[in-house]
Amino acid sequence: MTGAFTEVAALAQGGVWLLATDDWRDYGPAQVEAAFHALAPVLRPGPPTPGLLRPGQPPRRLIYTDAAEFTRTDDRTPEF
């Protein structure tokens, strides 16, 4: 386990529920980075494309790094 998530649960259709913090107010840059590093091996390659941020919207918490820089070493399901 990476420790990046406080809650991990398998969903009925094969997805995964991941909760990075128990309280949204605790979700800051360190948690964004930990979640990215835990998920990067299964994300699409390439950095994210920033969208338009409209007035009044909260800031986006993205890691502008190519997820392909983090590769899986085997075919196991990644540990969250």
N, C-alpha and C. Protein backbone atom coordinates (compact mmCIF):
# COMPACT_ATOMS: atom_id res chain seq x y z
N MET A 1 0.83 -1.18 0.00
CA MET A 1 0.00 0.00 0.00
C MET A 1 0.88 1.25 0.00
N THR A 2 0.46 2.24 -0.75
CA THR A 2 1.24 3.47 -0.85
C THR A 2 0.94 4.45 0.27
N GLY A 3 -0.24 4.33 0.87
CA GLY A 3 -0.63 5.29 1.89
C GLY A 3 -1.23 6.56 1.30
N ALA A 4 -1.41 6.59 -0.03
CA ALA A 4 -1.94 7.78 -0.70
C ALA A 4 -3.44 7.96 -0.46
N PHE A 5 -4.13 6.90 -0.06
CA PHE A 5 -5.58 6.96 0.08
C PHE A 5 -6.02 6.47 1.46
N THR A 6 -7.01 7.16 2.02
CA THR A 6 -7.53 6.74 3.32
C THR A 6 -8.63 5.70 3.17
N GLU A 7 -9.22 5.63 1.98
CA GLU A 7 -10.27 4.65 1.73
C GLU A 7 -10.13 4.13 0.31
N VAL A 8 -10.18 2.81 0.17
CA VAL A 8 -10.11 2.15 -1.13
C VAL A 8 -11.17 1.06 -1.13
N ALA A 9 -12.03 1.05 -2.16
CA ALA A 9 -13.07 0.03 -2.24
C ALA A 9 -13.31 -0.34 -3.70
N ALA A 10 -13.46 -1.63 -3.95
CA ALA A 10 -13.80 -2.11 -5.29
C ALA A 10 -15.28 -1.83 -5.55
N LEU A 11 -15.59 -1.38 -6.77
CA LEU A 11 -16.97 -1.11 -7.16
C LEU A 11 -17.50 -2.29 -7.97
N ALA A 12 -18.80 -2.41 -8.03
CA ALA A 12 -19.45 -3.57 -8.66
C ALA A 12 -19.07 -3.77 -10.12
N GLN A 13 -18.90 -2.71 -10.88
CA GLN A 13 -18.63 -2.84 -12.32
C GLN A 13 -17.14 -2.86 -12.65
N GLY A 14 -16.28 -3.03 -11.64
CA GLY A 14 -14.85 -3.14 -11.88
C GLY A 14 -14.06 -1.89 -11.59
N GLY A 15 -14.72 -0.80 -11.25
CA GLY A 15 -14.01 0.43 -10.91
C GLY A 15 -13.51 0.39 -9.48
N VAL A 16 -12.88 1.46 -9.08
CA VAL A 16 -12.34 1.56 -7.73
C VAL A 16 -12.69 2.92 -7.14
N TRP A 17 -13.19 2.93 -5.92
CA TRP A 17 -13.44 4.16 -5.17
C TRP A 17 -12.18 4.47 -4.39
N LEU A 18 -11.63 5.67 -4.58
CA LEU A 18 -10.42 6.09 -3.88
C LEU A 18 -10.69 7.41 -3.18
N LEU A 19 -10.39 7.48 -1.91
CA LEU A 19 -10.57 8.70 -1.12
C LEU A 19 -9.21 9.07 -0.56
N ALA A 20 -8.72 10.25 -0.94
CA ALA A 20 -7.37 10.66 -0.55
C ALA A 20 -7.30 11.20 0.88
N THR A 21 -8.35 11.83 1.35
CA THR A 21 -8.38 12.36 2.72
C THR A 21 -9.77 12.17 3.30
N ASP A 22 -9.85 12.10 4.60
CA ASP A 22 -11.16 11.97 5.24
C ASP A 22 -11.96 13.27 5.17
N ASP A 23 -11.26 14.40 5.09
CA ASP A 23 -11.90 15.71 5.05
C ASP A 23 -11.35 16.48 3.84
N TRP A 24 -12.20 17.02 3.01
CA TRP A 24 -11.75 17.70 1.79
C TRP A 24 -10.81 18.86 2.09
N ARG A 25 -10.94 19.45 3.27
CA ARG A 25 -10.07 20.58 3.62
C ARG A 25 -8.62 20.16 3.84
N ASP A 26 -8.40 18.87 4.01
CA ASP A 26 -7.04 18.35 4.18
C ASP A 26 -6.39 17.98 2.85
N TYR A 27 -7.14 18.11 1.75
CA TYR A 27 -6.63 17.72 0.43
C TYR A 27 -5.83 18.88 -0.16
N GLY A 28 -4.53 18.79 -0.01
CA GLY A 28 -3.64 19.85 -0.48
C GLY A 28 -2.60 19.31 -1.44
N PRO A 29 -1.59 20.10 -1.74
CA PRO A 29 -0.57 19.71 -2.72
C PRO A 29 0.11 18.37 -2.42
N ALA A 30 0.38 18.08 -1.16
CA ALA A 30 1.04 16.80 -0.83
C ALA A 30 0.14 15.61 -1.16
N GLN A 31 -1.16 15.76 -0.92
CA GLN A 31 -2.10 14.67 -1.21
C GLN A 31 -2.31 14.52 -2.72
N VAL A 32 -2.33 15.64 -3.44
CA VAL A 32 -2.44 15.59 -4.91
C VAL A 32 -1.25 14.82 -5.47
N GLU A 33 -0.07 15.16 -5.00
CA GLU A 33 1.14 14.50 -5.49
C GLU A 33 1.16 13.01 -5.13
N ALA A 34 0.77 12.67 -3.92
CA ALA A 34 0.75 11.26 -3.50
C ALA A 34 -0.24 10.46 -4.35
N ALA A 35 -1.42 11.03 -4.60
CA ALA A 35 -2.42 10.34 -5.43
C ALA A 35 -1.91 10.17 -6.85
N PHE A 36 -1.29 11.21 -7.40
CA PHE A 36 -0.75 11.12 -8.76
C PHE A 36 0.30 10.02 -8.86
N HIS A 37 1.23 9.99 -7.93
CA HIS A 37 2.29 8.98 -7.98
C HIS A 37 1.73 7.57 -7.81
N ALA A 38 0.68 7.42 -7.02
CA ALA A 38 0.06 6.10 -6.86
C ALA A 38 -0.66 5.66 -8.13
N LEU A 39 -1.28 6.62 -8.84
CA LEU A 39 -2.09 6.30 -10.02
C LEU A 39 -1.35 6.41 -11.34
N ALA A 40 -0.23 7.10 -11.38
CA ALA A 40 0.48 7.38 -12.64
C ALA A 40 0.71 6.15 -13.50
N PRO A 41 1.09 5.00 -12.94
CA PRO A 41 1.34 3.84 -13.80
C PRO A 41 0.11 3.35 -14.58
N VAL A 42 -1.09 3.73 -14.17
CA VAL A 42 -2.28 3.29 -14.89
C VAL A 42 -3.01 4.43 -15.59
N LEU A 43 -2.44 5.63 -15.58
CA LEU A 43 -3.03 6.77 -16.29
C LEU A 43 -2.58 6.78 -17.74
N ARG A 44 -3.33 7.46 -18.57
CA ARG A 44 -2.94 7.63 -19.97
C ARG A 44 -1.65 8.43 -20.04
N PRO A 45 -0.80 8.13 -21.02
CA PRO A 45 0.45 8.89 -21.14
C PRO A 45 0.18 10.33 -21.54
N GLY A 46 1.11 11.19 -21.19
CA GLY A 46 1.02 12.60 -21.55
C GLY A 46 0.61 13.45 -20.37
N PRO A 47 1.05 14.70 -20.36
CA PRO A 47 0.64 15.60 -19.28
C PRO A 47 -0.81 16.02 -19.47
N PRO A 48 -1.48 16.46 -18.41
CA PRO A 48 -2.86 16.91 -18.56
C PRO A 48 -2.92 18.21 -19.36
N THR A 49 -4.03 18.41 -20.01
CA THR A 49 -4.27 19.65 -20.74
C THR A 49 -5.15 20.53 -19.88
N PRO A 50 -4.64 21.67 -19.46
CA PRO A 50 -5.47 22.53 -18.60
C PRO A 50 -6.66 23.08 -19.37
N GLY A 51 -7.81 23.05 -18.74
CA GLY A 51 -9.01 23.62 -19.33
C GLY A 51 -9.19 25.05 -18.86
N LEU A 52 -10.26 25.65 -19.30
CA LEU A 52 -10.56 27.02 -18.88
C LEU A 52 -11.02 27.02 -17.43
N LEU A 53 -10.52 27.96 -16.68
CA LEU A 53 -10.96 28.14 -15.30
C LEU A 53 -11.85 29.37 -15.27
N ARG A 54 -13.09 29.15 -14.92
CA ARG A 54 -14.06 30.25 -14.88
C ARG A 54 -13.99 30.97 -13.53
N PRO A 55 -14.34 32.25 -13.52
CA PRO A 55 -14.35 32.99 -12.25
C PRO A 55 -15.24 32.29 -11.22
N GLY A 56 -14.76 32.22 -10.01
CA GLY A 56 -15.53 31.60 -8.95
C GLY A 56 -15.29 30.11 -8.79
N GLN A 57 -14.62 29.48 -9.76
CA GLN A 57 -14.32 28.06 -9.64
C GLN A 57 -13.09 27.87 -8.76
N PRO A 58 -13.05 26.78 -8.02
CA PRO A 58 -11.85 26.52 -7.23
C PRO A 58 -10.68 26.18 -8.15
N PRO A 59 -9.46 26.39 -7.70
CA PRO A 59 -8.31 26.06 -8.54
C PRO A 59 -8.24 24.56 -8.80
N ARG A 60 -7.72 24.21 -9.95
CA ARG A 60 -7.54 22.79 -10.28
C ARG A 60 -6.26 22.31 -9.64
N ARG A 61 -6.32 21.14 -9.12
CA ARG A 61 -5.14 20.55 -8.49
C ARG A 61 -4.63 19.44 -9.40
N LEU A 62 -3.72 19.82 -10.27
CA LEU A 62 -3.17 18.88 -11.25
C LEU A 62 -1.66 18.80 -11.11
N ILE A 63 -1.13 17.67 -11.49
CA ILE A 63 0.32 17.50 -11.60
C ILE A 63 0.61 17.56 -13.10
N TYR A 64 1.35 18.55 -13.53
CA TYR A 64 1.65 18.73 -14.95
C TYR A 64 2.89 17.94 -15.34
N THR A 65 2.79 16.64 -15.16
CA THR A 65 3.86 15.71 -15.47
C THR A 65 3.29 14.61 -16.34
N ASP A 66 4.07 14.12 -17.27
CA ASP A 66 3.66 13.01 -18.12
C ASP A 66 3.59 11.74 -17.28
N ALA A 67 2.42 11.16 -17.16
CA ALA A 67 2.25 9.94 -16.37
C ALA A 67 3.09 8.79 -16.92
N ALA A 68 3.47 8.85 -18.19
CA ALA A 68 4.28 7.79 -18.79
C ALA A 68 5.68 7.72 -18.18
N GLU A 69 6.09 8.76 -17.46
CA GLU A 69 7.39 8.73 -16.80
C GLU A 69 7.41 7.73 -15.64
N PHE A 70 6.24 7.29 -15.22
CA PHE A 70 6.12 6.33 -14.13
C PHE A 70 5.56 5.04 -14.71
N THR A 71 6.39 4.05 -14.87
CA THR A 71 5.96 2.81 -15.50
C THR A 71 5.79 1.71 -14.48
N ARG A 72 4.90 0.80 -14.81
CA ARG A 72 4.70 -0.38 -13.98
C ARG A 72 5.80 -1.38 -14.30
N THR A 73 6.24 -2.10 -13.30
CA THR A 73 7.30 -3.08 -13.50
C THR A 73 6.76 -4.46 -13.79
N ASP A 74 5.46 -4.68 -13.64
CA ASP A 74 4.86 -5.98 -13.93
C ASP A 74 3.39 -5.78 -14.23
N ASP A 75 2.66 -6.88 -14.37
CA ASP A 75 1.25 -6.80 -14.74
C ASP A 75 0.29 -6.86 -13.56
N ARG A 76 0.80 -6.74 -12.36
CA ARG A 76 -0.08 -6.76 -11.19
C ARG A 76 -0.91 -5.49 -11.14
N THR A 77 -2.03 -5.58 -10.47
CA THR A 77 -2.83 -4.39 -10.21
C THR A 77 -2.03 -3.48 -9.29
N PRO A 78 -1.97 -2.18 -9.58
CA PRO A 78 -1.19 -1.29 -8.73
C PRO A 78 -1.74 -1.24 -7.31
N GLU A 79 -0.85 -1.01 -6.37
CA GLU A 79 -1.26 -0.88 -4.97
C GLU A 79 -1.59 0.58 -4.70
N PHE A 80 -2.73 0.82 -4.08
CA PHE A 80 -3.15 2.18 -3.77
C PHE A 80 -2.90 2.45 -2.31
